[in-house]
Protein backbone atom coordinates (compact mmCIF):
# COMPACT_ATOMS: atom_id res chain seq x y z
CA MET A 1 -1.88 -3.35 -23.71
CA GLN A 2 -1.13 -0.72 -26.25
CA GLU A 3 1.31 2.06 -25.36
CA ARG A 4 0.22 5.49 -26.52
CA GLU A 5 2.67 7.38 -28.70
CA ASN A 6 2.19 10.56 -26.70
CA SER A 7 0.50 10.18 -23.35
CA GLN A 8 0.28 13.98 -23.01
CA ASP A 9 -2.42 13.98 -25.71
CA ARG A 10 -4.87 12.21 -23.42
CA ILE A 11 -4.48 14.22 -20.22
CA ILE A 12 -6.83 16.82 -18.76
CA ALA A 13 -6.14 18.43 -15.40
CA VAL A 14 -9.07 19.57 -13.28
CA CYS A 15 -7.96 22.17 -10.78
CA GLY A 16 -9.29 24.77 -8.38
CA ILE A 17 -9.17 25.81 -4.76
CA LYS A 18 -9.75 23.14 -2.08
CA ASN A 19 -13.43 22.13 -1.84
CA SER A 20 -14.32 23.83 -5.13
CA GLY A 21 -15.88 20.67 -6.57
CA LYS A 22 -13.01 19.09 -8.53
CA THR A 23 -13.74 15.55 -7.35
CA THR A 24 -17.48 15.92 -7.94
CA LEU A 25 -16.90 17.19 -11.49
CA ILE A 26 -14.41 14.42 -12.31
CA GLU A 27 -16.77 11.82 -10.86
CA LYS A 28 -19.61 13.10 -13.07
CA LEU A 29 -17.42 13.13 -16.20
CA VAL A 30 -15.97 9.67 -15.51
CA GLY A 31 -19.48 8.28 -15.09
CA ILE A 32 -20.67 9.69 -18.42
CA LEU A 33 -17.53 8.65 -20.30
CA SER A 34 -17.45 5.15 -18.80
CA ARG A 35 -21.05 4.56 -19.87
CA GLN A 36 -19.94 5.55 -23.39
CA GLY A 37 -17.20 2.91 -23.31
CA VAL A 38 -14.31 5.33 -22.79
CA LYS A 39 -11.54 3.92 -20.59
CA VAL A 40 -10.77 6.65 -18.05
CA ALA A 41 -8.13 6.82 -15.31
CA VAL A 42 -7.79 9.45 -12.58
CA ILE A 43 -4.61 10.51 -10.81
CA LYS A 44 -5.13 12.72 -7.78
CA HIS A 45 -2.44 14.96 -6.36
CA ASP A 46 -2.63 15.41 -2.60
CA GLY A 47 -0.61 18.23 -1.11
CA HIS A 48 -0.51 16.43 2.23
CA ASP A 49 0.48 12.96 3.33
CA PHE A 50 -2.23 10.31 3.27
CA SER A 51 -2.77 6.70 4.22
CA CYS A 52 -4.07 4.27 1.62
CA ASP A 53 -3.49 0.89 3.20
CA ILE A 54 -6.11 -0.79 5.38
CA PRO A 55 -5.08 -1.72 8.93
CA GLY A 56 -5.19 -5.46 9.48
CA THR A 57 -4.40 -6.45 5.89
CA ASP A 58 -1.23 -8.33 5.05
CA SER A 59 0.15 -5.41 3.03
CA HIS A 60 -0.46 -3.04 5.96
CA ARG A 61 1.36 -5.46 8.26
CA PHE A 62 4.34 -5.52 5.85
CA SER A 63 4.33 -1.73 5.73
CA GLN A 64 4.14 -1.46 9.53
CA ALA A 65 7.08 -3.89 9.76
CA GLY A 66 9.16 -1.42 7.73
CA ALA A 67 8.72 -2.30 4.07
CA TYR A 68 9.05 0.91 2.02
CA GLY A 69 6.80 -0.65 -0.63
CA THR A 70 4.14 -3.29 -0.95
CA ALA A 71 2.10 -4.58 -3.85
CA VAL A 72 -0.97 -6.79 -3.99
CA PHE A 73 -2.44 -8.13 -7.21
CA SER A 74 -5.11 -10.47 -8.49
CA ASP A 75 -6.58 -11.22 -11.88
CA GLN A 76 -8.92 -8.22 -11.47
CA ARG A 77 -6.83 -5.44 -9.86
CA MET A 78 -3.55 -4.30 -8.37
CA PHE A 79 -2.48 -2.09 -5.51
CA VAL A 80 0.99 -0.57 -5.08
CA HIS A 81 2.00 1.43 -2.04
CA LYS A 82 5.43 3.07 -1.79
CA ARG A 83 6.79 5.58 0.69
CA GLY A 84 9.42 8.26 0.31
CA THR A 85 9.90 7.94 -3.43
CA ARG A 86 8.81 11.46 -4.52
CA GLU A 87 6.89 10.29 -7.59
CA ARG A 88 5.41 12.92 -9.86
CA GLU A 89 2.32 12.65 -12.02
CA LYS A 90 4.51 11.77 -15.01
CA ASP A 91 5.67 8.65 -13.16
CA LEU A 92 2.06 7.58 -12.58
CA ILE A 93 0.72 8.34 -16.06
CA CYS A 94 2.75 5.42 -17.43
CA LEU A 95 0.76 3.05 -15.18
CA PHE A 96 -2.29 3.59 -17.43
CA PRO A 97 -1.10 2.90 -21.00
CA GLU A 98 -4.50 1.55 -22.05
CA ALA A 99 -6.47 4.61 -20.84
CA ASP A 100 -8.21 6.70 -23.48
CA LEU A 101 -8.25 9.69 -21.12
CA ILE A 102 -6.48 10.49 -17.86
CA PHE A 103 -7.82 13.15 -15.52
CA LEU A 104 -5.34 14.73 -13.15
CA GLU A 105 -7.00 16.21 -10.09
CA GLY A 106 -5.03 19.24 -8.99
CA MET A 107 -1.90 20.35 -10.85
CA LYS A 108 -3.03 24.01 -11.01
CA ASP A 109 0.53 25.23 -11.61
CA SER A 110 1.12 22.84 -14.52
CA THR A 111 0.90 23.55 -18.23
CA TYR A 112 -1.32 20.52 -18.90
CA PRO A 113 -4.59 21.24 -20.68
CA LYS A 114 -6.80 22.16 -17.77
CA ILE A 115 -10.26 23.00 -16.55
CA GLU A 116 -10.55 25.24 -13.50
CA VAL A 117 -13.50 24.89 -11.15
CA ILE A 118 -14.62 28.14 -9.52
CA ARG A 119 -17.51 28.14 -7.06
CA LYS A 120 -18.88 31.34 -5.57
CA GLU A 121 -18.74 29.99 -2.00
CA ILE A 122 -15.03 29.20 -2.40
CA SER A 123 -13.41 31.60 -4.89
CA ARG A 124 -14.17 34.27 -7.46
CA GLN A 125 -11.10 34.31 -9.73
CA PRO A 126 -8.94 31.69 -11.46
CA VAL A 127 -5.89 30.61 -9.46
CA SER A 128 -4.32 28.23 -11.98
CA ASN A 129 -1.49 28.83 -14.43
CA PRO A 130 -3.31 30.23 -17.47
CA THR A 131 -1.02 28.25 -19.79
CA GLY A 132 -3.07 25.23 -20.81
CA ARG A 133 -6.31 26.43 -19.21
CA PHE A 134 -9.03 26.03 -21.83
CA LEU A 135 -12.19 26.12 -19.72
CA ILE A 136 -13.60 27.55 -16.52
CA VAL A 137 -16.60 25.80 -14.99
CA THR A 138 -18.52 27.74 -12.38
CA ASP A 139 -21.77 28.52 -10.62
CA LEU A 140 -21.10 32.25 -11.08
CA PRO A 141 -22.68 34.11 -14.02
CA LEU A 142 -21.05 32.80 -17.20
CA ASP A 143 -20.04 36.32 -18.28
CA SER A 144 -17.89 36.73 -15.13
CA PHE A 145 -14.75 35.66 -17.00
CA GLN A 146 -13.02 36.61 -20.25
CA GLU A 147 -12.30 32.94 -20.99
CA LYS A 148 -14.53 30.12 -22.24
CA THR A 149 -16.88 29.43 -19.32
CA LEU A 150 -19.58 26.81 -18.74
CA SER A 151 -21.94 26.00 -15.89
CA LEU A 152 -20.84 23.38 -13.38
CA ASN A 153 -24.06 21.54 -14.24
CA ASP A 154 -23.37 21.37 -17.99
CA GLY A 155 -21.71 17.94 -18.08
CA GLU A 156 -22.38 17.43 -21.79
CA GLY A 157 -20.98 20.88 -22.65
CA ILE A 158 -17.87 20.23 -20.58
CA LEU A 159 -17.38 16.87 -22.31
CA HIS A 160 -17.76 18.57 -25.69
CA GLU A 161 -14.98 21.02 -24.78
CA ILE A 162 -12.75 18.15 -23.63
CA GLN A 163 -13.41 16.28 -26.88
CA GLU A 164 -12.62 19.42 -28.89
CA ARG A 165 -9.39 19.87 -26.97
CA LEU A 166 -8.29 16.27 -27.53
CA SER A 167 -9.73 15.70 -31.00
CA HIS A 168 -6.56 16.62 -32.86
CA SER A 169 -4.79 13.53 -31.53
CA ASN A 170 -7.10 11.32 -29.50
CA PRO A 171 -10.77 11.30 -30.34
CA ILE A 172 -12.84 9.92 -27.45
C-alpha cells in the first residue's frame, strides 16, 4: 500500500439536498471509473444514526453484548464497527491510502472540492458552501446558474470536470 502525500488532492464531495440524486450520481461515476481501472472509495456522511451490523452474526452478538467496537476481516475484505467515537471524514480518509479517488457523499458545508446535485423536484438553488464548489449538476436548464453547470445525465462531462479539477496533482 502506498500512502498518498496529500490525500486532499484525491477527494471530491458530492452534495445536495436529501433525495437529490447524490447516491445515484456517485454510483454512476464509480461504475465508469472502476471499468477504467481507477480505484475509487466512497465515504458517506449520515446525519442520523444507522445500523450496519447484521443481526445473528458473531460481530452483532458482540455488539449486543456491549462491545463498543467490533472488526471482522478475511483475505478479501474487512468490516469495522465502532460506536460513540465521533469520527469525522478525515479519520476515515486514511483508511483508503491506495484509492486514486475518494468521493464523499454529503459534506455540503465543507471546503472540499465539490459537486452539488440540484433536481427540480427537490430544490432550485445551491445550498452548499460555495468555497470548493466547482460544478452543479442538474435537470434544470443549464443556464439556470451562474456557475459551471452540466446535465445530471452527462456522466462523461462530469468525469471530465473531475479530472480537470484533480489533474494538477492526481491524474486519474
